[in-house]
Amino acid sequence: MAVVEISVVPLGTGNTSLSRYVAACEKELRENGEGLKYELTAMGTIIEGDLDRILEMARRLHEVPFNEGIRRVSTIIRIDDRRDKEVSIEQKVKSVEDILNRES
């Protein structure tokens, strides 16, 4: 299982707000992200699941702003694909919190 962070950024929108495009991407993920766990953050979306399925969804998300009339899109994908054990979004956060709690 992989944990992937994706940020889809439409360029040349003529507006500084991108919330409309983020919402459209989240709608796509909600409607077609079966089998994937995801979490919207302030700077992107974190998706957990099968890497092939996530990459398929990343392609769909990249297309969303084009479908909204945007002519240029920059998409950043960061992949954590660990093969020695299962990972999850919660587990990754808990590992850091455990260290912080031990130090307190």
N, C-alpha and C. Protein backbone atom coordinates (compact mmCIF):
# COMPACT_ATOMS: atom_id res chain seq x y z
N MET A 1 0.84 -1.17 0.00
CA MET A 1 0.00 0.00 0.00
C MET A 1 0.89 1.24 0.00
N ALA A 2 0.45 2.26 -0.70
CA ALA A 2 1.22 3.50 -0.82
C ALA A 2 0.45 4.65 -0.18
N VAL A 3 1.21 5.67 0.19
CA VAL A 3 0.64 6.94 0.63
C VAL A 3 1.20 7.99 -0.33
N VAL A 4 0.29 8.73 -0.95
CA VAL A 4 0.67 9.67 -2.00
C VAL A 4 0.07 11.04 -1.69
N GLU A 5 0.89 12.07 -1.83
CA GLU A 5 0.40 13.43 -1.71
C GLU A 5 0.32 14.02 -3.12
N ILE A 6 -0.81 14.62 -3.44
CA ILE A 6 -0.98 15.21 -4.77
C ILE A 6 -1.49 16.63 -4.63
N SER A 7 -0.93 17.50 -5.44
CA SER A 7 -1.36 18.89 -5.49
C SER A 7 -1.56 19.26 -6.95
N VAL A 8 -2.78 19.57 -7.32
CA VAL A 8 -3.14 19.93 -8.69
C VAL A 8 -3.34 21.45 -8.72
N VAL A 9 -2.53 22.14 -9.52
CA VAL A 9 -2.57 23.60 -9.53
C VAL A 9 -2.88 24.11 -10.94
N PRO A 10 -4.06 24.69 -11.13
CA PRO A 10 -4.36 25.31 -12.42
C PRO A 10 -3.60 26.63 -12.55
N LEU A 11 -3.06 26.89 -13.70
CA LEU A 11 -2.29 28.12 -13.94
C LEU A 11 -3.07 29.03 -14.89
N GLY A 12 -2.93 30.31 -14.67
CA GLY A 12 -3.57 31.27 -15.57
C GLY A 12 -5.07 31.38 -15.37
N THR A 13 -5.51 31.28 -14.11
CA THR A 13 -6.95 31.33 -13.85
C THR A 13 -7.49 32.76 -13.85
N GLY A 14 -6.61 33.74 -13.70
CA GLY A 14 -7.06 35.12 -13.62
C GLY A 14 -7.56 35.50 -12.24
N ASN A 15 -7.41 34.58 -11.26
CA ASN A 15 -7.88 34.81 -9.91
C ASN A 15 -6.89 34.17 -8.94
N THR A 16 -6.69 34.76 -7.78
CA THR A 16 -5.77 34.19 -6.81
C THR A 16 -6.38 33.03 -6.03
N SER A 17 -7.70 32.91 -6.00
CA SER A 17 -8.36 31.82 -5.29
C SER A 17 -8.46 30.58 -6.17
N LEU A 18 -8.08 29.44 -5.60
CA LEU A 18 -8.14 28.17 -6.34
C LEU A 18 -9.16 27.21 -5.74
N SER A 19 -9.91 27.66 -4.74
CA SER A 19 -10.84 26.79 -4.02
C SER A 19 -11.82 26.09 -4.94
N ARG A 20 -12.29 26.77 -5.95
CA ARG A 20 -13.24 26.18 -6.89
C ARG A 20 -12.66 24.95 -7.57
N TYR A 21 -11.39 25.01 -7.93
CA TYR A 21 -10.73 23.90 -8.61
C TYR A 21 -10.40 22.77 -7.64
N VAL A 22 -10.01 23.14 -6.43
CA VAL A 22 -9.76 22.13 -5.40
C VAL A 22 -11.06 21.37 -5.13
N ALA A 23 -12.16 22.08 -5.00
CA ALA A 23 -13.46 21.44 -4.75
C ALA A 23 -13.83 20.50 -5.89
N ALA A 24 -13.56 20.90 -7.11
CA ALA A 24 -13.86 20.05 -8.27
C ALA A 24 -13.02 18.77 -8.24
N CYS A 25 -11.75 18.90 -7.84
CA CYS A 25 -10.90 17.71 -7.71
C CYS A 25 -11.39 16.81 -6.58
N GLU A 26 -11.77 17.39 -5.46
CA GLU A 26 -12.28 16.59 -4.35
C GLU A 26 -13.57 15.87 -4.74
N LYS A 27 -14.41 16.53 -5.51
CA LYS A 27 -15.64 15.90 -5.99
C LYS A 27 -15.31 14.68 -6.86
N GLU A 28 -14.34 14.83 -7.73
CA GLU A 28 -13.90 13.72 -8.59
C GLU A 28 -13.41 12.56 -7.73
N LEU A 29 -12.65 12.86 -6.72
CA LEU A 29 -12.12 11.82 -5.82
C LEU A 29 -13.25 11.14 -5.05
N ARG A 30 -14.19 11.91 -4.56
CA ARG A 30 -15.33 11.33 -3.83
C ARG A 30 -16.18 10.43 -4.72
N GLU A 31 -16.37 10.86 -5.94
CA GLU A 31 -17.25 10.10 -6.85
C GLU A 31 -16.57 8.89 -7.47
N ASN A 32 -15.25 8.94 -7.64
CA ASN A 32 -14.55 7.88 -8.37
C ASN A 32 -13.37 7.26 -7.62
N GLY A 33 -13.23 7.59 -6.35
CA GLY A 33 -12.09 7.10 -5.57
C GLY A 33 -12.39 5.85 -4.76
N GLU A 34 -13.27 5.01 -5.27
CA GLU A 34 -13.62 3.79 -4.54
C GLU A 34 -12.36 2.97 -4.23
N GLY A 35 -12.26 2.53 -2.99
CA GLY A 35 -11.11 1.74 -2.57
C GLY A 35 -9.92 2.56 -2.11
N LEU A 36 -10.03 3.88 -2.20
CA LEU A 36 -8.94 4.76 -1.77
C LEU A 36 -9.38 5.54 -0.54
N LYS A 37 -8.45 5.70 0.38
CA LYS A 37 -8.68 6.55 1.54
C LYS A 37 -7.97 7.86 1.24
N TYR A 38 -8.59 8.98 1.57
CA TYR A 38 -7.96 10.25 1.26
C TYR A 38 -8.28 11.29 2.32
N GLU A 39 -7.41 12.29 2.36
CA GLU A 39 -7.54 13.37 3.34
C GLU A 39 -7.14 14.68 2.67
N LEU A 40 -8.05 15.63 2.64
CA LEU A 40 -7.77 16.96 2.11
C LEU A 40 -6.98 17.74 3.16
N THR A 41 -5.88 18.35 2.73
CA THR A 41 -5.10 19.21 3.62
C THR A 41 -5.06 20.60 3.00
N ALA A 42 -4.47 21.53 3.71
CA ALA A 42 -4.41 22.91 3.23
C ALA A 42 -3.55 23.07 1.97
N MET A 43 -2.62 22.13 1.74
CA MET A 43 -1.70 22.27 0.63
C MET A 43 -1.79 21.16 -0.41
N GLY A 44 -2.71 20.24 -0.24
CA GLY A 44 -2.85 19.14 -1.19
C GLY A 44 -3.76 18.08 -0.61
N THR A 45 -3.80 16.95 -1.26
CA THR A 45 -4.61 15.83 -0.80
C THR A 45 -3.70 14.62 -0.63
N ILE A 46 -3.87 13.91 0.48
CA ILE A 46 -3.11 12.70 0.74
C ILE A 46 -4.04 11.52 0.43
N ILE A 47 -3.53 10.58 -0.37
CA ILE A 47 -4.32 9.42 -0.77
C ILE A 47 -3.57 8.16 -0.36
N GLU A 48 -4.31 7.21 0.19
CA GLU A 48 -3.73 5.95 0.65
C GLU A 48 -4.42 4.80 -0.10
N GLY A 49 -3.62 3.85 -0.59
CA GLY A 49 -4.21 2.69 -1.27
C GLY A 49 -3.22 2.05 -2.22
N ASP A 50 -3.75 1.26 -3.12
CA ASP A 50 -2.95 0.59 -4.14
C ASP A 50 -2.33 1.65 -5.07
N LEU A 51 -1.03 1.55 -5.28
CA LEU A 51 -0.33 2.58 -6.06
C LEU A 51 -0.87 2.72 -7.48
N ASP A 52 -1.14 1.61 -8.15
CA ASP A 52 -1.68 1.71 -9.51
C ASP A 52 -3.01 2.45 -9.53
N ARG A 53 -3.84 2.16 -8.55
CA ARG A 53 -5.15 2.81 -8.45
C ARG A 53 -4.98 4.30 -8.14
N ILE A 54 -4.03 4.62 -7.27
CA ILE A 54 -3.79 6.03 -6.95
C ILE A 54 -3.29 6.79 -8.17
N LEU A 55 -2.37 6.20 -8.92
CA LEU A 55 -1.84 6.87 -10.11
C LEU A 55 -2.93 7.07 -11.17
N GLU A 56 -3.82 6.12 -11.27
CA GLU A 56 -4.98 6.27 -12.16
C GLU A 56 -5.83 7.47 -11.72
N MET A 57 -6.04 7.58 -10.42
CA MET A 57 -6.82 8.70 -9.89
C MET A 57 -6.07 10.01 -10.07
N ALA A 58 -4.75 9.99 -9.89
CA ALA A 58 -3.95 11.21 -10.09
C ALA A 58 -4.14 11.74 -11.51
N ARG A 59 -4.17 10.86 -12.46
CA ARG A 59 -4.40 11.28 -13.87
C ARG A 59 -5.77 11.93 -14.02
N ARG A 60 -6.77 11.34 -13.37
CA ARG A 60 -8.12 11.92 -13.42
C ARG A 60 -8.16 13.29 -12.78
N LEU A 61 -7.48 13.42 -11.63
CA LEU A 61 -7.45 14.71 -10.93
C LEU A 61 -6.72 15.77 -11.74
N HIS A 62 -5.66 15.37 -12.42
CA HIS A 62 -4.91 16.30 -13.26
C HIS A 62 -5.80 16.86 -14.38
N GLU A 63 -6.74 16.07 -14.85
CA GLU A 63 -7.62 16.49 -15.95
C GLU A 63 -8.74 17.43 -15.50
N VAL A 64 -9.06 17.43 -14.22
CA VAL A 64 -10.21 18.21 -13.73
C VAL A 64 -10.13 19.68 -14.12
N PRO A 65 -9.04 20.40 -13.86
CA PRO A 65 -9.01 21.81 -14.25
C PRO A 65 -9.14 22.02 -15.76
N PHE A 66 -8.59 21.10 -16.55
CA PHE A 66 -8.77 21.20 -18.01
C PHE A 66 -10.25 21.13 -18.37
N ASN A 67 -10.97 20.25 -17.68
CA ASN A 67 -12.41 20.12 -17.92
C ASN A 67 -13.18 21.36 -17.47
N GLU A 68 -12.55 22.17 -16.61
CA GLU A 68 -13.15 23.42 -16.14
C GLU A 68 -12.74 24.61 -17.02
N GLY A 69 -12.02 24.33 -18.11
CA GLY A 69 -11.65 25.39 -19.04
C GLY A 69 -10.24 25.94 -18.89
N ILE A 70 -9.47 25.42 -17.94
CA ILE A 70 -8.09 25.88 -17.76
C ILE A 70 -7.22 25.28 -18.85
N ARG A 71 -6.24 26.03 -19.31
CA ARG A 71 -5.41 25.55 -20.42
C ARG A 71 -4.02 25.08 -19.99
N ARG A 72 -3.68 25.29 -18.71
CA ARG A 72 -2.38 24.82 -18.21
C ARG A 72 -2.53 24.39 -16.75
N VAL A 73 -1.98 23.21 -16.44
CA VAL A 73 -2.09 22.64 -15.09
C VAL A 73 -0.73 22.08 -14.68
N SER A 74 -0.33 22.38 -13.44
CA SER A 74 0.88 21.82 -12.87
C SER A 74 0.46 20.90 -11.72
N THR A 75 0.87 19.63 -11.79
CA THR A 75 0.52 18.65 -10.77
C THR A 75 1.78 18.10 -10.14
N ILE A 76 1.82 18.13 -8.81
CA ILE A 76 2.95 17.59 -8.06
C ILE A 76 2.47 16.34 -7.33
N ILE A 77 3.23 15.26 -7.50
CA ILE A 77 2.89 13.99 -6.86
C ILE A 77 4.11 13.53 -6.06
N ARG A 78 3.88 13.22 -4.79
CA ARG A 78 4.93 12.69 -3.92
C ARG A 78 4.47 11.32 -3.42
N ILE A 79 5.28 10.29 -3.65
CA ILE A 79 4.89 8.92 -3.35
C ILE A 79 5.75 8.34 -2.24
N ASP A 80 5.08 7.74 -1.24
CA ASP A 80 5.75 6.95 -0.21
C ASP A 80 5.23 5.52 -0.39
N ASP A 81 6.04 4.68 -1.00
CA ASP A 81 5.65 3.30 -1.31
C ASP A 81 6.57 2.37 -0.56
N ARG A 82 6.14 1.96 0.61
CA ARG A 82 6.97 1.13 1.47
C ARG A 82 6.61 -0.34 1.24
N ARG A 83 7.63 -1.17 0.98
CA ARG A 83 7.37 -2.56 0.64
C ARG A 83 7.70 -3.53 1.77
N ASP A 84 8.31 -3.04 2.85
CA ASP A 84 8.67 -3.94 3.94
C ASP A 84 7.57 -4.09 4.98
N LYS A 85 6.58 -3.17 4.97
CA LYS A 85 5.44 -3.29 5.87
C LYS A 85 4.32 -2.38 5.38
N GLU A 86 3.12 -2.63 5.88
CA GLU A 86 1.98 -1.80 5.51
C GLU A 86 2.10 -0.44 6.20
N VAL A 87 1.75 0.60 5.48
CA VAL A 87 1.74 1.95 6.05
C VAL A 87 0.36 2.56 5.85
N SER A 88 0.05 3.54 6.68
CA SER A 88 -1.20 4.27 6.55
C SER A 88 -0.96 5.72 6.90
N ILE A 89 -1.89 6.56 6.54
CA ILE A 89 -1.79 7.98 6.87
C ILE A 89 -1.69 8.14 8.39
N GLU A 90 -2.59 7.47 9.11
CA GLU A 90 -2.63 7.59 10.57
C GLU A 90 -1.34 7.07 11.20
N GLN A 91 -0.84 5.96 10.69
CA GLN A 91 0.37 5.36 11.25
C GLN A 91 1.57 6.28 11.11
N LYS A 92 1.68 6.95 9.96
CA LYS A 92 2.80 7.86 9.75
C LYS A 92 2.75 9.03 10.73
N VAL A 93 1.57 9.57 10.98
CA VAL A 93 1.41 10.67 11.93
C VAL A 93 1.67 10.18 13.35
N LYS A 94 1.14 9.01 13.69
CA LYS A 94 1.30 8.45 15.03
C LYS A 94 2.78 8.22 15.36
N SER A 95 3.56 7.79 14.40
CA SER A 95 4.99 7.55 14.63
C SER A 95 5.69 8.83 15.10
N VAL A 96 5.36 9.94 14.49
CA VAL A 96 5.96 11.23 14.87
C VAL A 96 5.43 11.67 16.23
N GLU A 97 4.11 11.52 16.45
CA GLU A 97 3.53 11.92 17.73
C GLU A 97 4.11 11.10 18.88
N ASP A 98 4.35 9.81 18.66
CA ASP A 98 4.95 8.96 19.69
C ASP A 98 6.33 9.47 20.09
N ILE A 99 7.12 9.88 19.12
CA ILE A 99 8.45 10.42 19.42
C ILE A 99 8.31 11.73 20.21
N LEU A 100 7.41 12.58 19.81
CA LEU A 100 7.21 13.85 20.52
C LEU A 100 6.75 13.61 21.95
N ASN A 101 5.86 12.63 22.15
CA ASN A 101 5.36 12.34 23.49
C ASN A 101 6.45 11.77 24.40
N ARG A 102 7.36 10.98 23.83
CA ARG A 102 8.46 10.43 24.62
C ARG A 102 9.44 11.53 25.05
N GLU A 103 9.56 12.56 24.22
CA GLU A 103 10.48 13.65 24.51
C GLU A 103 9.91 14.65 25.52
N SER A 104 8.60 14.62 25.73
CA SER A 104 7.98 15.59 26.65
C SER A 104 8.16 15.21 28.09
